[in-house]
């Protein structure tokens, strides 16, 4: 059974009749604001974590390659400048 806004409203009204307004509000506040299909599961988080780790590894690799290339190029410029001065 899917839970929609109408079902939640009916539940709130029934709780209000049985428990009272404040207690019904408190109990409803502890329910997720969306349907259970919209709540992330541990499997969803594992997949997201795996994707994120791969993306970070790719970014670190790309940054490392760029830094090594930059350092080599800068070193070549410095060596050339020193040779020209002496």
PDB file of N, CA and C in Angstrom:
ATOM      1  N   UNK A   1       0.843  -1.187   0.000  1.00  0.00           N
ATOM      2  CA  UNK A   1       0.000   0.000   0.000  1.00  0.00           C
ATOM      3  C   UNK A   1       0.882   1.241   0.000  1.00  0.00           C
ATOM      4  N   UNK A   2       0.604   2.129  -0.931  1.00  0.00           N
ATOM      5  CA  UNK A   2       1.392   3.354  -0.969  1.00  0.00           C
ATOM      6  C   UNK A   2       0.747   4.407  -0.070  1.00  0.00           C
ATOM      7  N   UNK A   3       1.618   5.146   0.594  1.00  0.00           N
ATOM      8  CA  UNK A   3       1.143   6.176   1.521  1.00  0.00           C
ATOM      9  C   UNK A   3       1.226   7.521   0.815  1.00  0.00           C
ATOM     10  N   UNK A   4       0.076   8.168   0.687  1.00  0.00           N
ATOM     11  CA  UNK A   4       0.058   9.498   0.088  1.00  0.00           C
ATOM     12  C   UNK A   4      -0.439  10.504   1.129  1.00  0.00           C
ATOM     13  N   UNK A   5      -0.570  11.746   0.707  1.00  0.00           N
ATOM     14  CA  UNK A   5      -0.986  12.799   1.644  1.00  0.00           C
ATOM     15  C   UNK A   5      -2.370  12.538   2.236  1.00  0.00           C
ATOM     16  N   UNK A   6      -3.278  12.000   1.425  1.00  0.00           N
ATOM     17  CA  UNK A   6      -4.627  11.728   1.914  1.00  0.00           C
ATOM     18  C   UNK A   6      -4.595  10.656   3.010  1.00  0.00           C
ATOM     19  N   UNK A   7      -3.793   9.622   2.811  1.00  0.00           N
ATOM     20  CA  UNK A   7      -3.669   8.559   3.803  1.00  0.00           C
ATOM     21  C   UNK A   7      -3.064   9.094   5.092  1.00  0.00           C
ATOM     22  N   UNK A   8      -2.046   9.953   4.964  1.00  0.00           N
ATOM     23  CA  UNK A   8      -1.418  10.546   6.155  1.00  0.00           C
ATOM     24  C   UNK A   8      -2.414  11.428   6.909  1.00  0.00           C
ATOM     25  N   UNK A   9      -3.214  12.179   6.160  1.00  0.00           N
ATOM     26  CA  UNK A   9      -4.219  13.039   6.792  1.00  0.00           C
ATOM     27  C   UNK A   9      -5.263  12.199   7.529  1.00  0.00           C
ATOM     28  N   UNK A  10      -5.691  11.115   6.910  1.00  0.00           N
ATOM     29  CA  UNK A  10      -6.657  10.221   7.580  1.00  0.00           C
ATOM     30  C   UNK A  10      -6.065   9.627   8.848  1.00  0.00           C
ATOM     31  N   UNK A  11      -4.811   9.217   8.790  1.00  0.00           N
ATOM     32  CA  UNK A  11      -4.139   8.685   9.975  1.00  0.00           C
ATOM     33  C   UNK A  11      -4.069   9.744  11.073  1.00  0.00           C
ATOM     34  N   UNK A  12      -3.725  10.972  10.700  1.00  0.00           N
ATOM     35  CA  UNK A  12      -3.631  12.057  11.686  1.00  0.00           C
ATOM     36  C   UNK A  12      -4.985  12.305  12.346  1.00  0.00           C
ATOM     37  N   UNK A  13      -6.033  12.313  11.554  1.00  0.00           N
ATOM     38  CA  UNK A  13      -7.377  12.539  12.112  1.00  0.00           C
ATOM     39  C   UNK A  13      -7.765  11.432  13.082  1.00  0.00           C
ATOM     40  N   UNK A  14      -7.446  10.179  12.729  1.00  0.00           N
ATOM     41  CA  UNK A  14      -7.774   9.046  13.604  1.00  0.00           C
ATOM     42  C   UNK A  14      -6.966   9.136  14.900  1.00  0.00           C
ATOM     43  N   UNK A  15      -5.670   9.449  14.779  1.00  0.00           N
ATOM     44  CA  UNK A  15      -4.841   9.604  15.976  1.00  0.00           C
ATOM     45  C   UNK A  15      -5.339  10.743  16.855  1.00  0.00           C
ATOM     46  N   UNK A  16      -5.756  11.815  16.216  1.00  0.00           N
ATOM     47  CA  UNK A  16      -6.267  12.977  16.950  1.00  0.00           C
ATOM     48  C   UNK A  16      -7.527  12.600  17.739  1.00  0.00           C
ATOM     49  N   UNK A  17      -8.365  11.786  17.127  1.00  0.00           N
ATOM     50  CA  UNK A  17      -9.600  11.367  17.804  1.00  0.00           C
ATOM     51  C   UNK A  17      -9.295  10.442  18.980  1.00  0.00           C
ATOM     52  N   UNK A  18      -8.268   9.608  18.827  1.00  0.00           N
ATOM     53  CA  UNK A  18      -7.956   8.631  19.874  1.00  0.00           C
ATOM     54  C   UNK A  18      -7.036   9.219  20.940  1.00  0.00           C
ATOM     55  N   UNK A  19      -5.987   9.915  20.515  1.00  0.00           N
ATOM     56  CA  UNK A  19      -4.953  10.377  21.445  1.00  0.00           C
ATOM     57  C   UNK A  19      -5.062  11.838  21.854  1.00  0.00           C
ATOM     58  N   UNK A  20      -5.654  12.644  20.985  1.00  0.00           N
ATOM     59  CA  UNK A  20      -5.677  14.082  21.215  1.00  0.00           C
ATOM     60  C   UNK A  20      -4.780  14.781  20.201  1.00  0.00           C
ATOM     61  N   UNK A  21      -4.986  16.083  20.050  1.00  0.00           N
ATOM     62  CA  UNK A  21      -4.298  16.838  18.997  1.00  0.00           C
ATOM     63  C   UNK A  21      -2.784  16.884  19.185  1.00  0.00           C
ATOM     64  N   UNK A  22      -2.337  17.215  20.395  1.00  0.00           N
ATOM     65  CA  UNK A  22      -0.897  17.354  20.629  1.00  0.00           C
ATOM     66  C   UNK A  22      -0.170  16.020  20.451  1.00  0.00           C
ATOM     67  N   UNK A  23      -0.743  14.954  20.967  1.00  0.00           N
ATOM     68  CA  UNK A  23      -0.120  13.633  20.848  1.00  0.00           C
ATOM     69  C   UNK A  23      -0.097  13.167  19.391  1.00  0.00           C
ATOM     70  N   UNK A  24      -1.162  13.442  18.654  1.00  0.00           N
ATOM     71  CA  UNK A  24      -1.221  13.079  17.237  1.00  0.00           C
ATOM     72  C   UNK A  24      -0.150  13.832  16.458  1.00  0.00           C
ATOM     73  N   UNK A  25      -0.007  15.131  16.747  1.00  0.00           N
ATOM     74  CA  UNK A  25       1.035  15.923  16.077  1.00  0.00           C
ATOM     75  C   UNK A  25       2.427  15.388  16.392  1.00  0.00           C
ATOM     76  N   UNK A  26       2.663  15.029  17.651  1.00  0.00           N
ATOM     77  CA  UNK A  26       3.967  14.507  18.056  1.00  0.00           C
ATOM     78  C   UNK A  26       4.276  13.196  17.338  1.00  0.00           C
ATOM     79  N   UNK A  27       3.299  12.311  17.292  1.00  0.00           N
ATOM     80  CA  UNK A  27       3.504  11.028  16.638  1.00  0.00           C
ATOM     81  C   UNK A  27       3.728  11.199  15.134  1.00  0.00           C
ATOM     82  N   UNK A  28       2.963  12.055  14.509  1.00  0.00           N
ATOM     83  CA  UNK A  28       3.112  12.285  13.066  1.00  0.00           C
ATOM     84  C   UNK A  28       4.447  12.954  12.741  1.00  0.00           C
ATOM     85  N   UNK A  29       4.953  13.752  13.659  1.00  0.00           N
ATOM     86  CA  UNK A  29       6.243  14.414  13.434  1.00  0.00           C
ATOM     87  C   UNK A  29       7.385  13.410  13.373  1.00  0.00           C
ATOM     88  N   UNK A  30       7.199  12.222  13.943  1.00  0.00           N
ATOM     89  CA  UNK A  30       8.243  11.198  13.937  1.00  0.00           C
ATOM     90  C   UNK A  30       8.193  10.308  12.701  1.00  0.00           C
ATOM     91  N   UNK A  31       7.192  10.475  11.859  1.00  0.00           N
ATOM     92  CA  UNK A  31       7.109   9.718  10.611  1.00  0.00           C
ATOM     93  C   UNK A  31       7.918  10.439   9.539  1.00  0.00           C
ATOM     94  N   UNK A  32       8.466   9.696   8.589  1.00  0.00           N
ATOM     95  CA  UNK A  32       9.207  10.372   7.518  1.00  0.00           C
ATOM     96  C   UNK A  32       8.264  11.257   6.711  1.00  0.00           C
ATOM     97  N   UNK A  33       8.738  12.402   6.243  1.00  0.00           N
ATOM     98  CA  UNK A  33       7.873  13.328   5.518  1.00  0.00           C
ATOM     99  C   UNK A  33       7.565  12.870   4.097  1.00  0.00           C
ATOM    100  N   UNK A  34       8.187  11.791   3.647  1.00  0.00           N
ATOM    101  CA  UNK A  34       7.987  11.282   2.292  1.00  0.00           C
ATOM    102  C   UNK A  34       7.581   9.819   2.376  1.00  0.00           C
ATOM    103  N   UNK A  35       7.295   9.246   1.230  1.00  0.00           N
ATOM    104  CA  UNK A  35       6.958   7.829   1.216  1.00  0.00           C
ATOM    105  C   UNK A  35       8.222   7.010   1.422  1.00  0.00           C
ATOM    106  N   UNK A  36       8.066   5.772   1.818  1.00  0.00           N
ATOM    107  CA  UNK A  36       9.228   4.913   2.094  1.00  0.00           C
ATOM    108  C   UNK A  36      10.038   4.644   0.840  1.00  0.00           C
ATOM    109  N   UNK A  37       9.424   4.760  -0.336  1.00  0.00           N
ATOM    110  CA  UNK A  37      10.181   4.571  -1.574  1.00  0.00           C
ATOM    111  C   UNK A  37      11.205   5.685  -1.781  1.00  0.00           C
ATOM    112  N   UNK A  38      10.995   6.833  -1.138  1.00  0.00           N
ATOM    113  CA  UNK A  38      11.895   7.973  -1.294  1.00  0.00           C
ATOM    114  C   UNK A  38      13.014   8.001  -0.264  1.00  0.00           C
ATOM    115  N   UNK A  39      12.983   7.105   0.708  1.00  0.00           N
ATOM    116  CA  UNK A  39      13.999   7.074   1.756  1.00  0.00           C
ATOM    117  C   UNK A  39      15.188   6.257   1.256  1.00  0.00           C
ATOM    118  N   UNK A  40      16.396   6.785   1.435  1.00  0.00           N
ATOM    119  CA  UNK A  40      17.606   6.086   0.997  1.00  0.00           C
ATOM    120  C   UNK A  40      17.861   4.869   1.875  1.00  0.00           C
ATOM    121  N   UNK A  41      18.276   3.788   1.249  1.00  0.00           N
ATOM    122  CA  UNK A  41      18.610   2.571   1.978  1.00  0.00           C
ATOM    123  C   UNK A  41      20.118   2.464   2.125  1.00  0.00           C
ATOM    124  N   UNK A  42      20.567   1.495   2.907  1.00  0.00           N
ATOM    125  CA  UNK A  42      22.007   1.270   3.057  1.00  0.00           C
ATOM    126  C   UNK A  42      22.634   0.881   1.724  1.00  0.00           C
ATOM    127  N   UNK A  43      21.906   0.138   0.915  1.00  0.00           N
ATOM    128  CA  UNK A  43      22.415  -0.229  -0.413  1.00  0.00           C
ATOM    129  C   UNK A  43      22.593   1.004  -1.289  1.00  0.00           C
ATOM    130  N   UNK A  44      21.642   1.931  -1.218  1.00  0.00           N
ATOM    131  CA  UNK A  44      21.770   3.185  -1.970  1.00  0.00           C
ATOM    132  C   UNK A  44      23.022   3.939  -1.541  1.00  0.00           C
ATOM    133  N   UNK A  45      23.256   3.982  -0.243  1.00  0.00           N
ATOM    134  CA  UNK A  45      24.427   4.688   0.270  1.00  0.00           C
ATOM    135  C   UNK A  45      25.724   4.001  -0.127  1.00  0.00           C
ATOM    136  N   UNK A  46      25.722   2.658  -0.162  1.00  0.00           N
ATOM    137  CA  UNK A  46      26.916   1.922  -0.597  1.00  0.00           C
ATOM    138  C   UNK A  46      27.254   2.242  -2.052  1.00  0.00           C
ATOM    139  N   UNK A  47      26.245   2.259  -2.905  1.00  0.00           N
ATOM    140  CA  UNK A  47      26.463   2.572  -4.320  1.00  0.00           C
ATOM    141  C   UNK A  47      26.979   3.998  -4.460  1.00  0.00           C
ATOM    142  N   UNK A  48      26.373   4.927  -3.747  1.00  0.00           N
ATOM    143  CA  UNK A  48      26.810   6.314  -3.796  1.00  0.00           C
ATOM    144  C   UNK A  48      28.245   6.448  -3.298  1.00  0.00           C
ATOM    145  N   UNK A  49      28.568   5.752  -2.224  1.00  0.00           N
ATOM    146  CA  UNK A  49      29.917   5.791  -1.668  1.00  0.00           C
ATOM    147  C   UNK A  49      30.925   5.255  -2.671  1.00  0.00           C
ATOM    148  N   UNK A  50      30.587   4.159  -3.325  1.00  0.00           N
ATOM    149  CA  UNK A  50      31.470   3.562  -4.324  1.00  0.00           C
ATOM    150  C   UNK A  50      31.690   4.524  -5.490  1.00  0.00           C
ATOM    151  N   UNK A  51      30.614   5.135  -5.979  1.00  0.00           N
ATOM    152  CA  UNK A  51      30.723   6.097  -7.074  1.00  0.00           C
ATOM    153  C   UNK A  51      31.566   7.296  -6.663  1.00  0.00           C
ATOM    154  N   UNK A  52      31.361   7.773  -5.447  1.00  0.00           N
ATOM    155  CA  UNK A  52      32.099   8.933  -4.962  1.00  0.00           C
ATOM    156  C   UNK A  52      33.580   8.628  -4.822  1.00  0.00           C
ATOM    157  N   UNK A  53      33.908   7.445  -4.293  1.00  0.00           N
ATOM    158  CA  UNK A  53      35.318   7.054  -4.162  1.00  0.00           C
ATOM    159  C   UNK A  53      36.000   7.003  -5.530  1.00  0.00           C
ATOM    160  N   UNK A  54      35.315   6.452  -6.526  1.00  0.00           N
ATOM    161  CA  UNK A  54      35.874   6.369  -7.884  1.00  0.00           C
ATOM    162  C   UNK A  54      36.101   7.769  -8.445  1.00  0.00           C
ATOM    163  N   UNK A  55      35.145   8.641  -8.222  1.00  0.00           N
ATOM    164  CA  UNK A  55      35.264  10.011  -8.733  1.00  0.00           C
ATOM    165  C   UNK A  55      36.414  10.752  -8.052  1.00  0.00           C
ATOM    166  N   UNK A  56      36.553  10.572  -6.749  1.00  0.00           N
ATOM    167  CA  UNK A  56      37.648  11.214  -6.020  1.00  0.00           C
ATOM    168  C   UNK A  56      38.983  10.670  -6.496  1.00  0.00           C
ATOM    169  N   UNK A  57      39.085   9.353  -6.676  1.00  0.00           N
ATOM    170  CA  UNK A  57      40.334   8.750  -7.154  1.00  0.00           C
ATOM    171  C   UNK A  57      40.708   9.303  -8.527  1.00  0.00           C
ATOM    172  N   UNK A  58      39.712   9.451  -9.399  1.00  0.00           N
ATOM    173  CA  UNK A  58      39.975   9.996 -10.733  1.00  0.00           C
ATOM    174  C   UNK A  58      40.452  11.448 -10.633  1.00  0.00           C
ATOM    175  N   UNK A  59      39.830  12.226  -9.769  1.00  0.00           N
ATOM    176  CA  UNK A  59      40.213  13.631  -9.603  1.00  0.00           C
ATOM    177  C   UNK A  59      41.613  13.770  -9.016  1.00  0.00           C
ATOM    178  N   UNK A  60      41.942  12.939  -8.031  1.00  0.00           N
ATOM    179  CA  UNK A  60      43.278  12.984  -7.429  1.00  0.00           C
ATOM    180  C   UNK A  60      44.326  12.598  -8.466  1.00  0.00           C
ATOM    181  N   UNK A  61      44.041  11.592  -9.269  1.00  0.00           N
ATOM    182  CA  UNK A  61      44.964  11.169 -10.323  1.00  0.00           C
ATOM    183  C   UNK A  61      45.193  12.299 -11.326  1.00  0.00           C
ATOM    184  N   UNK A  62      44.110  12.938 -11.755  1.00  0.00           N
ATOM    185  CA  UNK A  62      44.214  14.043 -12.708  1.00  0.00           C
ATOM    186  C   UNK A  62      45.002  15.206 -12.106  1.00  0.00           C
ATOM    187  N   UNK A  63      44.759  15.522 -10.838  1.00  0.00           N
ATOM    188  CA  UNK A  63      45.481  16.608 -10.177  1.00  0.00           C
ATOM    189  C   UNK A  63      46.967  16.270 -10.030  1.00  0.00           C
ATOM    190  N   UNK A  64      47.274  15.030  -9.680  1.00  0.00           N
ATOM    191  CA  UNK A  64      48.666  14.618  -9.525  1.00  0.00           C
ATOM    192  C   UNK A  64      49.407  14.718 -10.854  1.00  0.00           C
ATOM    193  N   UNK A  65      48.791  14.259 -11.929  1.00  0.00           N
ATOM    194  CA  UNK A  65      49.417  14.362 -13.257  1.00  0.00           C
ATOM    195  C   UNK A  65      49.666  15.818 -13.628  1.00  0.00           C
ATOM    196  N   UNK A  66      48.703  16.675 -13.352  1.00  0.00           N
ATOM    197  CA  UNK A  66      48.858  18.091 -13.672  1.00  0.00           C
ATOM    198  C   UNK A  66      50.011  18.698 -12.866  1.00  0.00           C
ATOM    199  N   UNK A  67      50.077  18.379 -11.573  1.00  0.00           N
ATOM    200  CA  UNK A  67      51.135  18.932 -10.724  1.00  0.00           C
ATOM    201  C   UNK A  67      52.510  18.453 -11.172  1.00  0.00           C
ATOM    202  N   UNK A  68      52.651  17.173 -11.503  1.00  0.00           N
ATOM    203  CA  UNK A  68      53.941  16.645 -11.964  1.00  0.00           C
ATOM    204  C   UNK A  68      54.345  17.327 -13.259  1.00  0.00           C
ATOM    205  N   UNK A  69      53.408  17.471 -14.186  1.00  0.00           N
ATOM    206  CA  UNK A  69      53.698  18.150 -15.454  1.00  0.00           C
ATOM    207  C   UNK A  69      54.112  19.594 -15.206  1.00  0.00           C
ATOM    208  N   UNK A  70      53.397  20.283 -14.338  1.00  0.00           N
ATOM    209  CA  UNK A  70      53.720  21.670 -14.030  1.00  0.00           C
ATOM    210  C   UNK A  70      55.109  21.792 -13.400  1.00  0.00           C
ATOM    211  N   UNK A  71      55.413  20.915 -12.444  1.00  0.00           N
ATOM    212  CA  UNK A  71      56.712  20.972 -11.767  1.00  0.00           C
ATOM    213  C   UNK A  71      57.837  20.693 -12.754  1.00  0.00           C
ATOM    214  N   UNK A  72      57.654  19.714 -13.633  1.00  0.00           N
ATOM    215  CA  UNK A  72      58.688  19.418 -14.639  1.00  0.00           C
ATOM    216  C   UNK A  72      58.886  20.607 -15.579  1.00  0.00           C
ATOM    217  N   UNK A  73      57.800  21.202 -16.039  1.00  0.00           N
ATOM    218  CA  UNK A  73      57.904  22.346 -16.943  1.00  0.00           C
ATOM    219  C   UNK A  73      58.555  23.532 -16.238  1.00  0.00           C
ATOM    220  N   UNK A  74      58.147  23.791 -15.008  1.00  0.00           N
ATOM    221  CA  UNK A  74      58.723  24.901 -14.254  1.00  0.00           C
ATOM    222  C   UNK A  74      60.210  24.666 -13.987  1.00  0.00           C
ATOM    223  N   UNK A  75      60.565  23.435 -13.685  1.00  0.00           N
ATOM    224  CA  UNK A  75      61.976  23.100 -13.456  1.00  0.00           C
ATOM    225  C   UNK A  75      62.783  23.323 -14.724  1.00  0.00           C
ATOM    226  N   UNK A  76      62.233  22.956 -15.868  1.00  0.00           N
ATOM    227  CA  UNK A  76      62.925  23.178 -17.143  1.00  0.00           C
ATOM    228  C   UNK A  76      63.124  24.666 -17.395  1.00  0.00           C
ATOM    229  N   UNK A  77      62.115  25.470 -17.070  1.00  0.00           N
ATOM    230  CA  UNK A  77      62.244  26.928 -17.239  1.00  0.00           C
ATOM    231  C   UNK A  77      63.335  27.473 -16.324  1.00  0.00           C
ATOM    232  N   UNK A  78      63.360  27.045 -15.078  1.00  0.00           N
ATOM    233  CA  UNK A  78      64.367  27.525 -14.118  1.00  0.00           C
ATOM    234  C   UNK A  78      65.761  27.098 -14.563  1.00  0.00           C
ATOM    235  N   UNK A  79      65.941  25.856 -14.961  1.00  0.00           N
ATOM    236  CA  UNK A  79      67.249  25.368 -15.412  1.00  0.00           C
ATOM    237  C   UNK A  79      67.701  26.157 -16.638  1.00  0.00           C
ATOM    238  N   UNK A  80      66.816  26.385 -17.582  1.00  0.00           N
ATOM    239  CA  UNK A  80      67.165  27.155 -18.777  1.00  0.00           C
ATOM    240  C   UNK A  80      67.552  28.574 -18.396  1.00  0.00           C
ATOM    241  N   UNK A  81      66.812  29.195 -17.498  1.00  0.00           N
ATOM    242  CA  UNK A  81      67.119  30.561 -17.072  1.00  0.00           C
ATOM    243  C   UNK A  81      68.478  30.615 -16.387  1.00  0.00           C
ATOM    244  N   UNK A  82      68.796  29.652 -15.549  1.00  0.00           N
ATOM    245  CA  UNK A  82      70.079  29.627 -14.846  1.00  0.00           C
ATOM    246  C   UNK A  82      71.211  29.438 -15.847  1.00  0.00           C
ATOM    247  N   UNK A  83      71.035  28.563 -16.823  1.00  0.00           N
ATOM    248  CA  UNK A  83      72.078  28.360 -17.860  1.00  0.00           C
ATOM    249  C   UNK A  83      72.308  29.609 -18.670  1.00  0.00           C
ATOM    250  N   UNK A  84      71.246  30.341 -18.960  1.00  0.00           N
ATOM    251  CA  UNK A  84      71.406  31.578 -19.747  1.00  0.00           C
ATOM    252  C   UNK A  84      72.128  32.662 -18.949  1.00  0.00           C
ATOM    253  N   UNK A  85      71.936  32.653 -17.631  1.00  0.00           N
ATOM    254  CA  UNK A  85      72.572  33.669 -16.794  1.00  0.00           C
ATOM    255  C   UNK A  85      74.055  33.383 -16.586  1.00  0.00           C
ATOM    256  N   UNK A  86      74.457  32.140 -16.615  1.00  0.00           N
ATOM    257  CA  UNK A  86      75.856  31.803 -16.329  1.00  0.00           C
ATOM    258  C   UNK A  86      76.565  31.384 -17.537  1.00  0.00           C
TER     259      UNK A  86
END
